[in-house]
Every structure is written in structure tokens, then in C-alpha cells.
C-alpha atoms as a PDB file:
ATOM      1  CA  MET A   1      81.804 115.964 112.749  1.00  0.00           C
ATOM      2  CA  ALA A   2      83.036 113.583 110.233  1.00  0.00           C
ATOM      3  CA  GLU A   3      83.820 110.347 111.731  1.00  0.00           C
ATOM      4  CA  ALA A   4      87.565 110.614 110.934  1.00  0.00           C
ATOM      5  CA  HIS A   5      87.584 113.452 113.079  1.00  0.00           C
ATOM      6  CA  ASN A   6      85.710 112.325 116.064  1.00  0.00           C
ATOM      7  CA  PRO A   7      88.123 112.826 119.040  1.00  0.00           C
ATOM      8  CA  LEU A   8      86.584 109.490 120.800  1.00  0.00           C
ATOM      9  CA  GLU A   9      87.556 107.473 118.089  1.00  0.00           C
ATOM     10  CA  GLN A  10      91.296 106.846 119.241  1.00  0.00           C
ATOM     11  CA  PHE A  11      89.640 104.843 121.966  1.00  0.00           C
ATOM     12  CA  VAL A  12      87.870 102.053 120.518  1.00  0.00           C
ATOM     13  CA  ILE A  13      88.676  98.964 121.431  1.00  0.00           C
ATOM     14  CA  GLN A  14      89.358  96.748 118.237  1.00  0.00           C
ATOM     15  CA  THR A  15      89.288  92.991 118.012  1.00  0.00           C
ATOM     16  CA  TRP A  16      92.640  91.959 116.422  1.00  0.00           C
ATOM     17  CA  ILE A  17      92.812  88.425 116.957  1.00  0.00           C
ATOM     18  CA  PRO A  18      89.293  86.748 117.667  1.00  0.00           C
ATOM     19  CA  ILE A  19      89.632  84.165 120.658  1.00  0.00           C
ATOM     20  CA  LYS A  20      86.587  82.785 122.222  1.00  0.00           C
ATOM     21  CA  ILE A  21      86.281  80.712 125.420  1.00  0.00           C
ATOM     22  CA  GLY A  22      82.975  79.471 125.689  1.00  0.00           C
ATOM     23  CA  ASP A  23      80.723  82.578 126.042  1.00  0.00           C
ATOM     24  CA  PHE A  24      84.187  84.328 127.359  1.00  0.00           C
ATOM     25  CA  ASP A  25      85.032  86.808 124.923  1.00  0.00           C
ATOM     26  CA  ALA A  26      89.476  86.756 125.644  1.00  0.00           C
ATOM     27  CA  SER A  27      90.371  88.435 121.871  1.00  0.00           C
ATOM     28  CA  PHE A  28      93.314  89.810 121.263  1.00  0.00           C
ATOM     29  CA  THR A  29      92.673  93.184 120.893  1.00  0.00           C
ATOM     30  CA  ASN A  30      94.698  96.812 119.861  1.00  0.00           C
ATOM     31  CA  SER A  31      94.788  97.227 124.124  1.00  0.00           C
ATOM     32  CA  SER A  32      96.409  93.940 124.656  1.00  0.00           C
ATOM     33  CA  ALA A  33      98.873  94.606 121.577  1.00  0.00           C
ATOM     34  CA  PHE A  34      99.973  97.976 123.308  1.00  0.00           C
ATOM     35  CA  MET A  35     100.238  96.810 126.705  1.00  0.00           C
ATOM     36  CA  LEU A  36     102.333  93.934 125.751  1.00  0.00           C
ATOM     37  CA  LEU A  37     104.377  96.353 123.632  1.00  0.00           C
ATOM     38  CA  ALA A  38     104.888  98.630 127.067  1.00  0.00           C
ATOM     39  CA  VAL A  39     105.922  95.268 129.322  1.00  0.00           C
ATOM     40  CA  ILE A  40     108.482  94.355 126.138  1.00  0.00           C
ATOM     41  CA  ALA A  41     109.802  98.085 125.897  1.00  0.00           C
ATOM     42  CA  ALA A  42     110.297  98.267 129.786  1.00  0.00           C
ATOM     43  CA  ILE A  43     112.295  94.796 129.667  1.00  0.00           C
ATOM     44  CA  ALA A  44     114.248  95.640 126.767  1.00  0.00           C
ATOM     45  CA  LEU A  45     115.384  98.937 128.434  1.00  0.00           C
ATOM     46  CA  MET A  46     116.320  97.207 131.783  1.00  0.00           C
ATOM     47  CA  VAL A  47     117.989  94.407 130.047  1.00  0.00           C
ATOM     48  CA  PHE A  48     120.151  95.768 127.446  1.00  0.00           C
ATOM     49  CA  ALA A  49     120.816  99.349 128.953  1.00  0.00           C
ATOM     50  CA  VAL A  50     122.755  97.767 131.627  1.00  0.00           C
ATOM     51  CA  ARG A  51     124.341  95.124 129.958  1.00  0.00           C
ATOM     52  CA  PRO A  52     127.624  96.782 129.071  1.00  0.00           C
ATOM     53  CA  ARG A  53     127.971  98.018 132.390  1.00  0.00           C
ATOM     54  CA  ALA A  54     130.064 100.287 131.264  1.00  0.00           C
ATOM     55  CA  GLY A  55     132.380 102.466 133.728  1.00  0.00           C
ATOM     56  CA  VAL A  56     131.152 105.756 132.263  1.00  0.00           C
ATOM     57  CA  PRO A  57     127.506 105.024 131.481  1.00  0.00           C
ATOM     58  CA  GLY A  58     125.409 105.862 128.336  1.00  0.00           C
ATOM     59  CA  ARG A  59     122.389 107.721 127.614  1.00  0.00           C
ATOM     60  CA  TRP A  60     120.356 104.575 127.872  1.00  0.00           C
ATOM     61  CA  GLN A  61     122.216 102.914 130.773  1.00  0.00           C
ATOM     62  CA  LEU A  62     121.680 105.999 132.591  1.00  0.00           C
ATOM     63  CA  LEU A  63     118.389 106.282 131.696  1.00  0.00           C
ATOM     64  CA  ALA A  64     118.033 102.876 133.682  1.00  0.00           C
ATOM     65  CA  GLU A  65     119.883 103.758 136.642  1.00  0.00           C
ATOM     66  CA  LEU A  66     117.843 106.804 137.039  1.00  0.00           C
ATOM     67  CA  SER A  67     114.870 104.688 137.268  1.00  0.00           C
ATOM     68  CA  TYR A  68     115.912 102.079 139.180  1.00  0.00           C
ATOM     69  CA  GLN A  69     117.335 105.070 141.859  1.00  0.00           C
ATOM     70  CA  PHE A  70     114.088 106.718 142.107  1.00  0.00           C
ATOM     71  CA  ILE A  71     111.728 104.458 142.889  1.00  0.00           C
ATOM     72  CA  ALA A  72     113.980 102.622 145.451  1.00  0.00           C
ATOM     73  CA  LYS A  73     113.909 106.284 146.748  1.00  0.00           C
ATOM     74  CA  MET A  74     110.358 106.389 146.452  1.00  0.00           C
ATOM     75  CA  VAL A  75     110.193 103.201 148.230  1.00  0.00           C
ATOM     76  CA  SER A  76     112.375 103.892 151.106  1.00  0.00           C
ATOM     77  CA  ASP A  77     110.741 107.338 151.534  1.00  0.00           C
ATOM     78  CA  ASN A  78     107.583 106.131 151.472  1.00  0.00           C
ATOM     79  CA  ILE A  79     107.849 102.600 153.018  1.00  0.00           C
ATOM     80  CA  GLY A  80     110.989 102.862 154.786  1.00  0.00           C
ATOM     81  CA  LYS A  81     113.227  99.435 154.793  1.00  0.00           C
ATOM     82  CA  GLU A  82     110.032  97.497 154.917  1.00  0.00           C
ATOM     83  CA  GLY A  83     109.340  98.220 151.564  1.00  0.00           C
ATOM     84  CA  ARG A  84     112.426  96.466 150.271  1.00  0.00           C
ATOM     85  CA  PRO A  85     110.227  93.463 149.173  1.00  0.00           C
ATOM     86  CA  TYR A  86     107.708  95.016 147.492  1.00  0.00           C
ATOM     87  CA  PHE A  87     110.119  97.132 144.968  1.00  0.00           C
ATOM     88  CA  PRO A  88     110.026  95.116 142.426  1.00  0.00           C
ATOM     89  CA  PHE A  89     106.061  95.117 142.295  1.00  0.00           C
ATOM     90  CA  VAL A  90     106.056  98.757 142.313  1.00  0.00           C
ATOM     91  CA  PHE A  91     108.958  99.368 139.986  1.00  0.00           C
ATOM     92  CA  SER A  92     106.974  96.983 137.974  1.00  0.00           C
ATOM     93  CA  ILE A  93     103.750  99.517 138.064  1.00  0.00           C
ATOM     94  CA  PHE A  94     105.991 102.634 137.248  1.00  0.00           C
ATOM     95  CA  MET A  95     107.304 101.442 134.384  1.00  0.00           C
ATOM     96  CA  PHE A  96     104.144  99.741 132.793  1.00  0.00           C
ATOM     97  CA  VAL A  97     102.085 102.906 133.602  1.00  0.00           C
ATOM     98  CA  LEU A  98     104.644 105.530 132.256  1.00  0.00           C
ATOM     99  CA  PHE A  99     105.519 103.155 128.921  1.00  0.00           C
ATOM    100  CA  GLY A 100     101.879 102.903 128.697  1.00  0.00           C
ATOM    101  CA  ASN A 101     101.345 106.717 128.839  1.00  0.00           C
ATOM    102  CA  LEU A 102     104.294 107.596 126.822  1.00  0.00           C
ATOM    103  CA  ILE A 103     103.546 105.216 123.933  1.00  0.00           C
ATOM    104  CA  GLY A 104      99.987 106.171 123.677  1.00  0.00           C
ATOM    105  CA  MET A 105     102.013 109.758 122.741  1.00  0.00           C
ATOM    106  CA  ILE A 106     103.313 108.322 119.506  1.00  0.00           C
ATOM    107  CA  PRO A 107     100.586 109.221 116.493  1.00  0.00           C
ATOM    108  CA  TYR A 108      98.472 105.870 115.262  1.00  0.00           C
ATOM    109  CA  THR A 109      99.161 104.340 118.677  1.00  0.00           C
ATOM    110  CA  PHE A 110      96.502 102.987 121.149  1.00  0.00           C
ATOM    111  CA  THR A 111      97.022 104.566 124.795  1.00  0.00           C
ATOM    112  CA  PHE A 112      95.706 101.588 126.945  1.00  0.00           C
ATOM    113  CA  THR A 113      95.598 104.021 130.371  1.00  0.00           C
ATOM    114  CA  SER A 114      92.626 105.933 128.908  1.00  0.00           C
ATOM    115  CA  HIS A 115      90.431 102.574 129.642  1.00  0.00           C
ATOM    116  CA  ILE A 116      89.153 102.532 133.189  1.00  0.00           C
ATOM    117  CA  ALA A 117      88.939  98.725 132.241  1.00  0.00           C
ATOM    118  CA  VAL A 118      92.549  98.626 132.452  1.00  0.00           C
ATOM    119  CA  THR A 119      93.603 100.768 135.440  1.00  0.00           C
ATOM    120  CA  LEU A 120      90.887  99.673 137.458  1.00  0.00           C
ATOM    121  CA  ALA A 121      91.989  96.220 136.970  1.00  0.00           C
ATOM    122  CA  MET A 122      95.510  97.490 137.733  1.00  0.00           C
ATOM    123  CA  ALA A 123      94.300  99.455 141.322  1.00  0.00           C
ATOM    124  CA  LEU A 124      92.051  96.663 142.120  1.00  0.00           C
ATOM    125  CA  VAL A 125      95.075  94.199 142.151  1.00  0.00           C
ATOM    126  CA  ILE A 126      96.936  96.669 144.252  1.00  0.00           C
ATOM    127  CA  PHE A 127      93.673  97.199 146.791  1.00  0.00           C
ATOM    128  CA  PHE A 128      93.516  93.224 147.407  1.00  0.00           C
ATOM    129  CA  MET A 129      97.353  92.865 147.475  1.00  0.00           C
ATOM    130  CA  VAL A 130      97.556  95.437 150.097  1.00  0.00           C
ATOM    131  CA  THR A 131      94.469  94.299 151.770  1.00  0.00           C
ATOM    132  CA  ILE A 132      95.976  90.515 152.358  1.00  0.00           C
ATOM    133  CA  ILE A 133      99.528  92.103 153.254  1.00  0.00           C
ATOM    134  CA  ALA A 134      97.334  93.982 156.113  1.00  0.00           C
ATOM    135  CA  PHE A 135      95.616  90.933 157.282  1.00  0.00           C
ATOM    136  CA  ILE A 136      98.724  88.741 156.994  1.00  0.00           C
ATOM    137  CA  LYS A 137     100.947  91.372 159.391  1.00  0.00           C
ATOM    138  CA  HIS A 138      98.140  92.468 161.424  1.00  0.00           C
ATOM    139  CA  GLY A 139      95.427  89.795 161.668  1.00  0.00           C
ATOM    140  CA  PHE A 140      92.414  91.042 162.927  1.00  0.00           C
ATOM    141  CA  HIS A 141      93.966  93.791 164.318  1.00  0.00           C
ATOM    142  CA  PHE A 142      93.868  95.362 160.792  1.00  0.00           C
ATOM    143  CA  PHE A 143      90.190  96.167 161.799  1.00  0.00           C
ATOM    144  CA  SER A 144      91.578  99.141 164.218  1.00  0.00           C
ATOM    145  CA  PHE A 145      92.507 100.844 161.230  1.00  0.00           C
ATOM    146  CA  PHE A 146      88.981 101.961 160.805  1.00  0.00           C
ATOM    147  CA  LEU A 147      88.749 103.449 163.880  1.00  0.00           C
ATOM    148  CA  PRO A 148      91.656 106.123 164.493  1.00  0.00           C
ATOM    149  CA  ALA A 149      93.126 106.512 168.106  1.00  0.00           C
ATOM    150  CA  GLY A 150      91.941 108.853 170.201  1.00  0.00           C
ATOM    151  CA  VAL A 151      88.189 109.417 168.608  1.00  0.00           C
ATOM    152  CA  PRO A 152      85.629 110.072 171.705  1.00  0.00           C
ATOM    153  CA  ILE A 153      83.221 107.070 171.477  1.00  0.00           C
ATOM    154  CA  VAL A 154      80.318 109.114 170.415  1.00  0.00           C
ATOM    155  CA  LEU A 155      82.119 109.664 167.396  1.00  0.00           C
ATOM    156  CA  ALA A 156      83.103 106.184 166.471  1.00  0.00           C
ATOM    157  CA  PRO A 157      80.407 105.016 164.445  1.00  0.00           C
ATOM    158  CA  LEU A 158      80.628 107.885 162.238  1.00  0.00           C
ATOM    159  CA  MET A 159      84.617 107.725 161.848  1.00  0.00           C
ATOM    160  CA  VAL A 160      84.824 104.222 160.945  1.00  0.00           C
ATOM    161  CA  ALA A 161      81.685 104.486 157.992  1.00  0.00           C
ATOM    162  CA  ILE A 162      83.804 107.322 156.897  1.00  0.00           C
ATOM    163  CA  GLU A 163      86.990 105.192 157.003  1.00  0.00           C
ATOM    164  CA  VAL A 164      85.214 102.709 155.673  1.00  0.00           C
ATOM    165  CA  ILE A 165      83.906 104.428 152.914  1.00  0.00           C
ATOM    166  CA  SER A 166      87.412 106.299 151.971  1.00  0.00           C
ATOM    167  CA  TYR A 167      89.364 102.506 152.184  1.00  0.00           C
ATOM    168  CA  PHE A 168      86.783 100.925 149.631  1.00  0.00           C
ATOM    169  CA  THR A 169      86.982 103.928 147.535  1.00  0.00           C
ATOM    170  CA  ARG A 170      90.751 103.783 147.022  1.00  0.00           C
ATOM    171  CA  PRO A 171      90.654 101.584 143.785  1.00  0.00           C
ATOM    172  CA  PHE A 172      88.078 103.876 142.318  1.00  0.00           C
ATOM    173  CA  SER A 173      89.663 106.895 143.060  1.00  0.00           C
ATOM    174  CA  LEU A 174      93.537 105.426 142.278  1.00  0.00           C
ATOM    175  CA  SER A 175      92.136 104.272 138.684  1.00  0.00           C
ATOM    176  CA  VAL A 176      89.995 107.346 137.503  1.00  0.00           C
ATOM    177  CA  ARG A 177      93.005 109.903 138.236  1.00  0.00           C
ATOM    178  CA  LEU A 178      94.866 108.105 135.974  1.00  0.00           C
ATOM    179  CA  PHE A 179      92.042 107.337 133.029  1.00  0.00           C
ATOM    180  CA  ALA A 180      91.012 110.566 133.285  1.00  0.00           C
ATOM    181  CA  ASN A 181      93.598 112.501 132.754  1.00  0.00           C
ATOM    182  CA  MET A 182      95.030 110.296 129.864  1.00  0.00           C
ATOM    183  CA  MET A 183      91.421 110.289 128.157  1.00  0.00           C
ATOM    184  CA  ALA A 184      91.538 114.276 128.527  1.00  0.00           C
ATOM    185  CA  GLY A 185      94.658 115.145 127.418  1.00  0.00           C
ATOM    186  CA  HIS A 186      94.422 112.720 124.421  1.00  0.00           C
ATOM    187  CA  THR A 187      90.965 114.244 123.783  1.00  0.00           C
ATOM    188  CA  LEU A 188      91.985 117.670 123.678  1.00  0.00           C
ATOM    189  CA  LEU A 189      95.107 116.715 120.937  1.00  0.00           C
ATOM    190  CA  LYS A 190      92.622 115.175 118.768  1.00  0.00           C
ATOM    191  CA  VAL A 191      90.302 118.298 118.802  1.00  0.00           C
ATOM    192  CA  ILE A 192      93.234 120.567 118.400  1.00  0.00           C
ATOM    193  CA  GLY A 193      94.299 118.650 115.844  1.00  0.00           C
ATOM    194  CA  GLY A 194      91.308 118.672 113.848  1.00  0.00           C
ATOM    195  CA  PHE A 195      91.068 122.351 113.309  1.00  0.00           C
ATOM    196  CA  VAL A 196      94.686 122.445 111.705  1.00  0.00           C
ATOM    197  CA  VAL A 197      93.440 121.388 107.945  1.00  0.00           C
ATOM    198  CA  PRO A 198      90.307 122.916 107.864  1.00  0.00           C
ATOM    199  CA  LEU A 199      92.136 126.964 108.769  1.00  0.00           C
ATOM    200  CA  GLY A 200      94.279 126.177 105.947  1.00  0.00           C
ATOM    201  CA  ILE A 201      97.163 128.563 105.900  1.00  0.00           C
ATOM    202  CA  PHE A 202      96.046 130.033 109.357  1.00  0.00           C
ATOM    203  CA  GLY A 203      96.365 126.161 110.637  1.00  0.00           C
ATOM    204  CA  VAL A 204      99.872 127.184 112.189  1.00  0.00           C
ATOM    205  CA  VAL A 205      97.712 128.791 115.229  1.00  0.00           C
ATOM    206  CA  PRO A 206      96.294 125.321 116.118  1.00  0.00           C
ATOM    207  CA  ILE A 207      99.559 123.449 115.819  1.00  0.00           C
ATOM    208  CA  ALA A 208     101.857 126.051 117.574  1.00  0.00           C
ATOM    209  CA  GLY A 209      98.660 125.125 120.102  1.00  0.00           C
ATOM    210  CA  LEU A 210      99.150 121.032 119.437  1.00  0.00           C
ATOM    211  CA  VAL A 211     102.922 121.576 119.970  1.00  0.00           C
ATOM    212  CA  GLY A 212     102.248 123.172 123.567  1.00  0.00           C
ATOM    213  CA  VAL A 213      99.669 120.644 124.662  1.00  0.00           C
ATOM    214  CA  MET A 214     101.858 117.798 123.493  1.00  0.00           C
ATOM    215  CA  GLY A 215     104.846 119.005 125.755  1.00  0.00           C
ATOM    216  CA  LEU A 216     102.077 119.580 128.571  1.00  0.00           C
ATOM    217  CA  GLU A 217     101.141 115.886 127.805  1.00  0.00           C
ATOM    218  CA  PHE A 218     104.717 114.258 127.801  1.00  0.00           C
ATOM    219  CA  LEU A 219     104.979 115.711 131.318  1.00  0.00           C
ATOM    220  CA  ILE A 220     101.410 114.414 132.498  1.00  0.00           C
ATOM    221  CA  ALA A 221     102.370 110.992 131.342  1.00  0.00           C
ATOM    222  CA  PHE A 222     105.398 111.032 133.921  1.00  0.00           C
ATOM    223  CA  LEU A 223     103.272 112.958 136.365  1.00  0.00           C
ATOM    224  CA  GLN A 224     100.185 110.289 136.349  1.00  0.00           C
ATOM    225  CA  ALA A 225     102.968 107.488 136.404  1.00  0.00           C
ATOM    226  CA  TYR A 226     104.498 108.841 139.076  1.00  0.00           C
ATOM    227  CA  ILE A 227     100.799 109.918 140.856  1.00  0.00           C
ATOM    228  CA  PHE A 228     100.003 105.971 140.506  1.00  0.00           C
ATOM    229  CA  THR A 229     103.151 104.540 142.010  1.00  0.00           C
ATOM    230  CA  ILE A 230     103.610 106.858 144.718  1.00  0.00           C
ATOM    231  CA  LEU A 231      99.908 106.175 146.392  1.00  0.00           C
ATOM    232  CA  THR A 232     100.843 102.329 145.680  1.00  0.00           C
ATOM    233  CA  CYS A 233     103.422 102.734 147.850  1.00  0.00           C
ATOM    234  CA  ILE A 234     101.570 105.656 150.366  1.00  0.00           C
ATOM    235  CA  TYR A 235      98.856 102.420 150.416  1.00  0.00           C
ATOM    236  CA  ILE A 236     101.336  99.662 151.212  1.00  0.00           C
ATOM    237  CA  ASN A 237     102.756 101.656 153.869  1.00  0.00           C
ATOM    238  CA  ASP A 238      99.433 101.996 155.362  1.00  0.00           C
ATOM    239  CA  ALA A 239      99.108  98.144 155.246  1.00  0.00           C
ATOM    240  CA  ILE A 240     102.808  97.883 156.913  1.00  0.00           C
ATOM    241  CA  HIS A 241     102.562 100.275 159.424  1.00  0.00           C
ATOM    242  CA  MET A 242      98.690 101.218 159.947  1.00  0.00           C
ATOM    243  CA  HIS A 243      97.862 104.431 162.123  1.00  0.00           C
END
């Protein structure tokens, strides 16, 4: 397959501004640029859409208000009243992932959520934050999280081992779910798109498939942001309420 049609070429990290700090490579890359763009886009939506504060909200103001209410309800349903202090963090996570996914759907852009380095970094931040919250609220009683109530003493070692493994694999499952779905979807789009020109007039068939897959990818872009965010809420709830 020609390099131009390599479906994995779209995931290559490209250095835009080389920055070296000793042996540490802190270069500004295409991934960095689109992460910054996602942050700017999310801030712009929330700042400029609600600035008019019209009695009858326009489309952008309505979108901003619905986003706020959607995450507020998610936090309330999954964490309760104790989740209010964490709303800004949860809302920021949702908007960052959502805009990253959606911007990546635009041709010739870069989908930073399709890189495990990015999704794992976010998942690790969530993991350590949740663990710190649990220690602050419960102290050493936090370790009881690894031994569910009512477990027979003979099964305690096995259950503790299972719970510990389950807990420490959270950041990996959280990051892989987002990364794998975004990478697989964009790879499929690239593969289908590669058949359009070689098939000539029959290229209408892969074009139809491409439109269908793109519609599905937009849905997946939202669903993956939702899943990443709701799992974050569940982890915070576990840290606050234990079991």
C-alpha cells in the first residue's frame, strides 16, 4: 500500500516547534497543538455562548447550557451532593475529551485521543486524584475498600488480591477504552476512503460506506467522552462513599 494511503499515517506525531530541556524532549507537536485547540474551543463555547444571556437562548447558548446541565446531572446522579466540589473537574474532562474527539473528525486534523500516551496520562491523573481523595476522607480505613463486607475469612486473601488488581488496572482500562475506539474508527475511515479513487465510478459504494461510518464515528465521539466521564464520576463516588 502506498504511504499516502497508509491508514496509520494519520497517527504519526510530528514536531512543530523543537524544544529540548537537557535530555528531555518538550517539543510542541501536532498533538500538543490540537490539545490546545480543544481547550480553546471548549472555553470559547462556554464564554462567548453565554455572554449575551438572552431571555430566549440562541443555538450556541442552548448548547452550552445543555452541556452544563448534562454534566451537572451526571455528577448528581453518580456522586450525590458530595460531588459538587468536583463538578468543574468532571466538566473539564468531558469537554476536553469531547472536543478532542470531534475536532479529530475534521479532515487533515489530528485526533490526540487516539494516542495511548494522552489517554493514559488523563487516566493516571484521575486515578491518583481519586486515591488521594479516598485517603483524605477515610485515612487508613481506605484499605477496607479491598475487602468487601461479608466476605468469609477463608476467601479474604483471594478477594483482596482480586480487588487490588481491579483497582490498579482502572487507569489502563479507562485509557485503552478511549484510545482503542478512536484509533479503530479513524483507521476504518482511512481504509474505506482509500478505495474511493482506485474504484473510479464504482467509488460511490465506498463513499456511501464512508458517510455511514462517519455518522457512527460522530456518535462514538460523544459516547466515548460520556463513558470516560461517567467512569470518572463512579471512581470519585467510590473514593467518597467506599462500599
